Amino acid sequence: MLIENFRKNLREAMVERDVNQRELALLSGVHAVTISRILGGVMLPSLAVCESLAKALKMSPEKTFAKIG
């Protein structure tokens, strides 16, 4: 459940900031394939990856795991 919150919040932040996976990869230093796998539910991100993605989207790591809706 926690990881699903992360995926949903990540997608929402990307849409709000008009950032695609490739751009997020460049901003975060996380490979675009890794981002695709995380968003697709194929891969669980490490804490370091979560922090890098959150920082790139100007979010607190805690907010990325918050339940939405």
PDB file of N, CA and C in Angstrom:
ATOM      1  N   MET A   1       0.823  -1.200   0.000  1.00  0.00           N
ATOM      2  CA  MET A   1       0.000   0.000   0.000  1.00  0.00           C
ATOM      3  C   MET A   1       0.868   1.266   0.000  1.00  0.00           C
ATOM      4  N   LEU A   2       1.908   1.261   0.790  1.00  0.00           N
ATOM      5  CA  LEU A   2       2.788   2.418   0.871  1.00  0.00           C
ATOM      6  C   LEU A   2       3.440   2.704  -0.477  1.00  0.00           C
ATOM      7  N   ILE A   3       3.877   1.660  -1.148  1.00  0.00           N
ATOM      8  CA  ILE A   3       4.530   1.851  -2.445  1.00  0.00           C
ATOM      9  C   ILE A   3       3.529   2.329  -3.496  1.00  0.00           C
ATOM     10  N   GLU A   4       2.276   1.896  -3.376  1.00  0.00           N
ATOM     11  CA  GLU A   4       1.246   2.378  -4.305  1.00  0.00           C
ATOM     12  C   GLU A   4       1.010   3.875  -4.100  1.00  0.00           C
ATOM     13  N   ASN A   5       1.018   4.322  -2.845  1.00  0.00           N
ATOM     14  CA  ASN A   5       0.916   5.758  -2.567  1.00  0.00           C
ATOM     15  C   ASN A   5       2.067   6.499  -3.230  1.00  0.00           C
ATOM     16  N   PHE A   6       3.268   5.934  -3.126  1.00  0.00           N
ATOM     17  CA  PHE A   6       4.437   6.555  -3.733  1.00  0.00           C
ATOM     18  C   PHE A   6       4.252   6.698  -5.241  1.00  0.00           C
ATOM     19  N   ARG A   7       3.827   5.623  -5.900  1.00  0.00           N
ATOM     20  CA  ARG A   7       3.641   5.671  -7.355  1.00  0.00           C
ATOM     21  C   ARG A   7       2.593   6.711  -7.749  1.00  0.00           C
ATOM     22  N   LYS A   8       1.474   6.731  -7.051  1.00  0.00           N
ATOM     23  CA  LYS A   8       0.414   7.694  -7.365  1.00  0.00           C
ATOM     24  C   LYS A   8       0.892   9.129  -7.146  1.00  0.00           C
ATOM     25  N   ASN A   9       1.560   9.362  -6.030  1.00  0.00           N
ATOM     26  CA  ASN A   9       2.050  10.713  -5.736  1.00  0.00           C
ATOM     27  C   ASN A   9       3.125  11.144  -6.720  1.00  0.00           C
ATOM     28  N   LEU A  10       3.966  10.212  -7.119  1.00  0.00           N
ATOM     29  CA  LEU A  10       5.000  10.517  -8.099  1.00  0.00           C
ATOM     30  C   LEU A  10       4.367  10.921  -9.431  1.00  0.00           C
ATOM     31  N   ARG A  11       3.403  10.131  -9.880  1.00  0.00           N
ATOM     32  CA  ARG A  11       2.704  10.457 -11.133  1.00  0.00           C
ATOM     33  C   ARG A  11       2.026  11.822 -11.053  1.00  0.00           C
ATOM     34  N   GLU A  12       1.333  12.051  -9.938  1.00  0.00           N
ATOM     35  CA  GLU A  12       0.614  13.318  -9.757  1.00  0.00           C
ATOM     36  C   GLU A  12       1.584  14.502  -9.781  1.00  0.00           C
ATOM     37  N   ALA A  13       2.705  14.370  -9.098  1.00  0.00           N
ATOM     38  CA  ALA A  13       3.696  15.451  -9.073  1.00  0.00           C
ATOM     39  C   ALA A  13       4.275  15.685 -10.465  1.00  0.00           C
ATOM     40  N   MET A  14       4.492  14.624 -11.218  1.00  0.00           N
ATOM     41  CA  MET A  14       5.006  14.763 -12.576  1.00  0.00           C
ATOM     42  C   MET A  14       4.014  15.514 -13.457  1.00  0.00           C
ATOM     43  N   VAL A  15       2.732  15.202 -13.335  1.00  0.00           N
ATOM     44  CA  VAL A  15       1.701  15.883 -14.119  1.00  0.00           C
ATOM     45  C   VAL A  15       1.607  17.349 -13.710  1.00  0.00           C
ATOM     46  N   GLU A  16       1.585  17.609 -12.401  1.00  0.00           N
ATOM     47  CA  GLU A  16       1.480  18.994 -11.907  1.00  0.00           C
ATOM     48  C   GLU A  16       2.641  19.854 -12.380  1.00  0.00           C
ATOM     49  N   ARG A  17       3.813  19.257 -12.474  1.00  0.00           N
ATOM     50  CA  ARG A  17       5.015  20.004 -12.851  1.00  0.00           C
ATOM     51  C   ARG A  17       5.346  19.864 -14.340  1.00  0.00           C
ATOM     52  N   ASP A  18       4.479  19.144 -15.059  1.00  0.00           N
ATOM     53  CA  ASP A  18       4.660  18.929 -16.496  1.00  0.00           C
ATOM     54  C   ASP A  18       6.052  18.358 -16.804  1.00  0.00           C
ATOM     55  N   VAL A  19       6.391  17.295 -16.078  1.00  0.00           N
ATOM     56  CA  VAL A  19       7.678  16.617 -16.225  1.00  0.00           C
ATOM     57  C   VAL A  19       7.410  15.192 -16.696  1.00  0.00           C
ATOM     58  N   ASN A  20       8.053  14.788 -17.783  1.00  0.00           N
ATOM     59  CA  ASN A  20       7.894  13.408 -18.237  1.00  0.00           C
ATOM     60  C   ASN A  20       9.002  12.536 -17.634  1.00  0.00           C
ATOM     61  N   GLN A  21       8.963  11.248 -17.923  1.00  0.00           N
ATOM     62  CA  GLN A  21       9.914  10.321 -17.319  1.00  0.00           C
ATOM     63  C   GLN A  21      11.356  10.651 -17.708  1.00  0.00           C
ATOM     64  N   ARG A  22      11.558  11.000 -18.948  1.00  0.00           N
ATOM     65  CA  ARG A  22      12.917  11.332 -19.406  1.00  0.00           C
ATOM     66  C   ARG A  22      13.454  12.570 -18.698  1.00  0.00           C
ATOM     67  N   GLU A  23      12.605  13.590 -18.572  1.00  0.00           N
ATOM     68  CA  GLU A  23      13.013  14.809 -17.878  1.00  0.00           C
ATOM     69  C   GLU A  23      13.291  14.534 -16.405  1.00  0.00           C
ATOM     70  N   LEU A  24      12.436  13.715 -15.796  1.00  0.00           N
ATOM     71  CA  LEU A  24      12.646  13.364 -14.394  1.00  0.00           C
ATOM     72  C   LEU A  24      13.961  12.611 -14.221  1.00  0.00           C
ATOM     73  N   ALA A  25      14.280  11.775 -15.171  1.00  0.00           N
ATOM     74  CA  ALA A  25      15.547  11.040 -15.125  1.00  0.00           C
ATOM     75  C   ALA A  25      16.726  12.020 -15.141  1.00  0.00           C
ATOM     76  N   LEU A  26      16.649  13.012 -16.006  1.00  0.00           N
ATOM     77  CA  LEU A  26      17.725  14.005 -16.090  1.00  0.00           C
ATOM     78  C   LEU A  26      17.824  14.837 -14.815  1.00  0.00           C
ATOM     79  N   LEU A  27      16.681  15.205 -14.253  1.00  0.00           N
ATOM     80  CA  LEU A  27      16.660  16.026 -13.040  1.00  0.00           C
ATOM     81  C   LEU A  27      17.121  15.260 -11.802  1.00  0.00           C
ATOM     82  N   SER A  28      16.802  13.982 -11.755  1.00  0.00           N
ATOM     83  CA  SER A  28      17.043  13.192 -10.546  1.00  0.00           C
ATOM     84  C   SER A  28      18.312  12.353 -10.577  1.00  0.00           C
ATOM     85  N   GLY A  29      18.822  12.074 -11.779  1.00  0.00           N
ATOM     86  CA  GLY A  29      19.960  11.176 -11.880  1.00  0.00           C
ATOM     87  C   GLY A  29      19.568   9.713 -11.809  1.00  0.00           C
ATOM     88  N   VAL A  30      18.266   9.437 -11.848  1.00  0.00           N
ATOM     89  CA  VAL A  30      17.745   8.066 -11.842  1.00  0.00           C
ATOM     90  C   VAL A  30      17.439   7.694 -13.291  1.00  0.00           C
ATOM     91  N   HIS A  31      17.889   6.539 -13.713  1.00  0.00           N
ATOM     92  CA  HIS A  31      17.709   6.114 -15.107  1.00  0.00           C
ATOM     93  C   HIS A  31      16.226   6.079 -15.474  1.00  0.00           C
ATOM     94  N   ALA A  32      15.907   6.499 -16.688  1.00  0.00           N
ATOM     95  CA  ALA A  32      14.513   6.533 -17.158  1.00  0.00           C
ATOM     96  C   ALA A  32      13.859   5.151 -17.111  1.00  0.00           C
ATOM     97  N   VAL A  33      14.614   4.103 -17.386  1.00  0.00           N
ATOM     98  CA  VAL A  33      14.063   2.745 -17.330  1.00  0.00           C
ATOM     99  C   VAL A  33      13.666   2.394 -15.892  1.00  0.00           C
ATOM    100  N   THR A  34      14.471   2.820 -14.941  1.00  0.00           N
ATOM    101  CA  THR A  34      14.150   2.585 -13.526  1.00  0.00           C
ATOM    102  C   THR A  34      12.858   3.301 -13.154  1.00  0.00           C
ATOM    103  N   ILE A  35      12.716   4.541 -13.584  1.00  0.00           N
ATOM    104  CA  ILE A  35      11.493   5.300 -13.308  1.00  0.00           C
ATOM    105  C   ILE A  35      10.295   4.605 -13.939  1.00  0.00           C
ATOM    106  N   SER A  36      10.428   4.153 -15.152  1.00  0.00           N
ATOM    107  CA  SER A  36       9.351   3.438 -15.837  1.00  0.00           C
ATOM    108  C   SER A  36       8.955   2.174 -15.073  1.00  0.00           C
ATOM    109  N   ARG A  37       9.926   1.438 -14.605  1.00  0.00           N
ATOM    110  CA  ARG A  37       9.649   0.209 -13.854  1.00  0.00           C
ATOM    111  C   ARG A  37       8.974   0.502 -12.516  1.00  0.00           C
ATOM    112  N   ILE A  38       9.392   1.572 -11.872  1.00  0.00           N
ATOM    113  CA  ILE A  38       8.760   1.960 -10.601  1.00  0.00           C
ATOM    114  C   ILE A  38       7.307   2.350 -10.846  1.00  0.00           C
ATOM    115  N   LEU A  39       7.078   3.202 -11.832  1.00  0.00           N
ATOM    116  CA  LEU A  39       5.718   3.652 -12.134  1.00  0.00           C
ATOM    117  C   LEU A  39       4.829   2.499 -12.596  1.00  0.00           C
ATOM    118  N   GLY A  40       5.416   1.534 -13.259  1.00  0.00           N
ATOM    119  CA  GLY A  40       4.659   0.378 -13.744  1.00  0.00           C
ATOM    120  C   GLY A  40       4.436  -0.696 -12.698  1.00  0.00           C
ATOM    121  N   GLY A  41       5.012  -0.519 -11.518  1.00  0.00           N
ATOM    122  CA  GLY A  41       4.827  -1.486 -10.453  1.00  0.00           C
ATOM    123  C   GLY A  41       5.698  -2.726 -10.593  1.00  0.00           C
ATOM    124  N   VAL A  42       6.694  -2.656 -11.460  1.00  0.00           N
ATOM    125  CA  VAL A  42       7.574  -3.796 -11.709  1.00  0.00           C
ATOM    126  C   VAL A  42       8.747  -3.795 -10.735  1.00  0.00           C
ATOM    127  N   MET A  43       9.102  -2.638 -10.224  1.00  0.00           N
ATOM    128  CA  MET A  43      10.292  -2.494  -9.395  1.00  0.00           C
ATOM    129  C   MET A  43       9.981  -1.667  -8.164  1.00  0.00           C
ATOM    130  N   LEU A  44      10.556  -2.067  -7.049  1.00  0.00           N
ATOM    131  CA  LEU A  44      10.443  -1.282  -5.821  1.00  0.00           C
ATOM    132  C   LEU A  44      11.666  -0.377  -5.721  1.00  0.00           C
ATOM    133  N   PRO A  45      11.463   0.911  -5.502  1.00  0.00           N
ATOM    134  CA  PRO A  45      12.599   1.822  -5.423  1.00  0.00           C
ATOM    135  C   PRO A  45      13.305   1.723  -4.078  1.00  0.00           C
ATOM    136  N   SER A  46      14.592   1.970  -4.093  1.00  0.00           N
ATOM    137  CA  SER A  46      15.337   2.068  -2.841  1.00  0.00           C
ATOM    138  C   SER A  46      15.014   3.413  -2.202  1.00  0.00           C
ATOM    139  N   LEU A  47      15.371   3.559  -0.956  1.00  0.00           N
ATOM    140  CA  LEU A  47      15.150   4.828  -0.273  1.00  0.00           C
ATOM    141  C   LEU A  47      15.927   5.949  -0.961  1.00  0.00           C
ATOM    142  N   ALA A  48      17.137   5.647  -1.410  1.00  0.00           N
ATOM    143  CA  ALA A  48      17.950   6.656  -2.096  1.00  0.00           C
ATOM    144  C   ALA A  48      17.275   7.127  -3.387  1.00  0.00           C
ATOM    145  N   VAL A  49      16.684   6.204  -4.128  1.00  0.00           N
ATOM    146  CA  VAL A  49      15.975   6.562  -5.360  1.00  0.00           C
ATOM    147  C   VAL A  49      14.742   7.397  -5.024  1.00  0.00           C
ATOM    148  N   CYS A  50      14.002   6.998  -4.005  1.00  0.00           N
ATOM    149  CA  CYS A  50      12.830   7.790  -3.578  1.00  0.00           C
ATOM    150  C   CYS A  50      13.235   9.215  -3.239  1.00  0.00           C
ATOM    151  N   GLU A  51      14.321   9.356  -2.513  1.00  0.00           N
ATOM    152  CA  GLU A  51      14.791  10.684  -2.128  1.00  0.00           C
ATOM    153  C   GLU A  51      15.220  11.499  -3.353  1.00  0.00           C
ATOM    154  N   SER A  52      15.904  10.870  -4.299  1.00  0.00           N
ATOM    155  CA  SER A  52      16.342  11.568  -5.512  1.00  0.00           C
ATOM    156  C   SER A  52      15.154  12.047  -6.338  1.00  0.00           C
ATOM    157  N   LEU A  53      14.149  11.188  -6.472  1.00  0.00           N
ATOM    158  CA  LEU A  53      12.964  11.559  -7.242  1.00  0.00           C
ATOM    159  C   LEU A  53      12.194  12.678  -6.547  1.00  0.00           C
ATOM    160  N   ALA A  54      12.047  12.573  -5.239  1.00  0.00           N
ATOM    161  CA  ALA A  54      11.340  13.603  -4.476  1.00  0.00           C
ATOM    162  C   ALA A  54      12.053  14.950  -4.595  1.00  0.00           C
ATOM    163  N   LYS A  55      13.358  14.930  -4.449  1.00  0.00           N
ATOM    164  CA  LYS A  55      14.143  16.163  -4.538  1.00  0.00           C
ATOM    165  C   LYS A  55      13.997  16.793  -5.925  1.00  0.00           C
ATOM    166  N   ALA A  56      14.058  15.975  -6.962  1.00  0.00           N
ATOM    167  CA  ALA A  56      13.927  16.480  -8.327  1.00  0.00           C
ATOM    168  C   ALA A  56      12.568  17.126  -8.564  1.00  0.00           C
ATOM    169  N   LEU A  57      11.534  16.624  -7.869  1.00  0.00           N
ATOM    170  CA  LEU A  57      10.186  17.163  -8.025  1.00  0.00           C
ATOM    171  C   LEU A  57       9.852  18.204  -6.954  1.00  0.00           C
ATOM    172  N   LYS A  58      10.874  18.568  -6.163  1.00  0.00           N
ATOM    173  CA  LYS A  58      10.728  19.573  -5.106  1.00  0.00           C
ATOM    174  C   LYS A  58       9.641  19.176  -4.095  1.00  0.00           C
ATOM    175  N   MET A  59       9.709  17.916  -3.687  1.00  0.00           N
ATOM    176  CA  MET A  59       8.780  17.370  -2.685  1.00  0.00           C
ATOM    177  C   MET A  59       9.601  16.834  -1.525  1.00  0.00           C
ATOM    178  N   SER A  60       8.992  16.786  -0.352  1.00  0.00           N
ATOM    179  CA  SER A  60       9.668  16.102   0.750  1.00  0.00           C
ATOM    180  C   SER A  60       9.492  14.603   0.526  1.00  0.00           C
ATOM    181  N   PRO A  61      10.495  13.799   0.878  1.00  0.00           N
ATOM    182  CA  PRO A  61      10.351  12.349   0.725  1.00  0.00           C
ATOM    183  C   PRO A  61       9.117  11.817   1.456  1.00  0.00           C
ATOM    184  N   GLU A  62       8.795  12.407   2.597  1.00  0.00           N
ATOM    185  CA  GLU A  62       7.632  11.968   3.363  1.00  0.00           C
ATOM    186  C   GLU A  62       6.340  12.176   2.585  1.00  0.00           C
ATOM    187  N   LYS A  63       6.259  13.298   1.879  1.00  0.00           N
ATOM    188  CA  LYS A  63       5.046  13.607   1.122  1.00  0.00           C
ATOM    189  C   LYS A  63       4.826  12.615  -0.021  1.00  0.00           C
ATOM    190  N   THR A  64       5.910  12.070  -0.553  1.00  0.00           N
ATOM    191  CA  THR A  64       5.758  11.128  -1.662  1.00  0.00           C
ATOM    192  C   THR A  64       5.043   9.859  -1.224  1.00  0.00           C
ATOM    193  N   PHE A  65       5.083   9.546   0.081  1.00  0.00           N
ATOM    194  CA  PHE A  65       4.437   8.332   0.569  1.00  0.00           C
ATOM    195  C   PHE A  65       3.068   8.591   1.199  1.00  0.00           C
ATOM    196  N   ALA A  66       2.664   9.854   1.292  1.00  0.00           N
ATOM    197  CA  ALA A  66       1.390  10.197   1.923  1.00  0.00           C
ATOM    198  C   ALA A  66       0.219   9.651   1.110  1.00  0.00           C
ATOM    199  N   LYS A  67      -0.816   9.256   1.816  1.00  0.00           N
ATOM    200  CA  LYS A  67      -2.021   8.767   1.144  1.00  0.00           C
ATOM    201  C   LYS A  67      -2.763   9.946   0.548  1.00  0.00           C
ATOM    202  N   ILE A  68      -3.203   9.763  -0.697  1.00  0.00           N
ATOM    203  CA  ILE A  68      -3.983  10.804  -1.361  1.00  0.00           C
ATOM    204  C   ILE A  68      -5.411  10.330  -1.558  1.00  0.00           C
ATOM    205  N   GLY A  69      -6.314  11.275  -1.606  1.00  0.00           N
ATOM    206  CA  GLY A  69      -7.710  10.934  -1.868  1.00  0.00           C
ATOM    207  C   GLY A  69      -8.435  10.555  -0.705  1.00  0.00           C
TER     208      GLY A  69
END
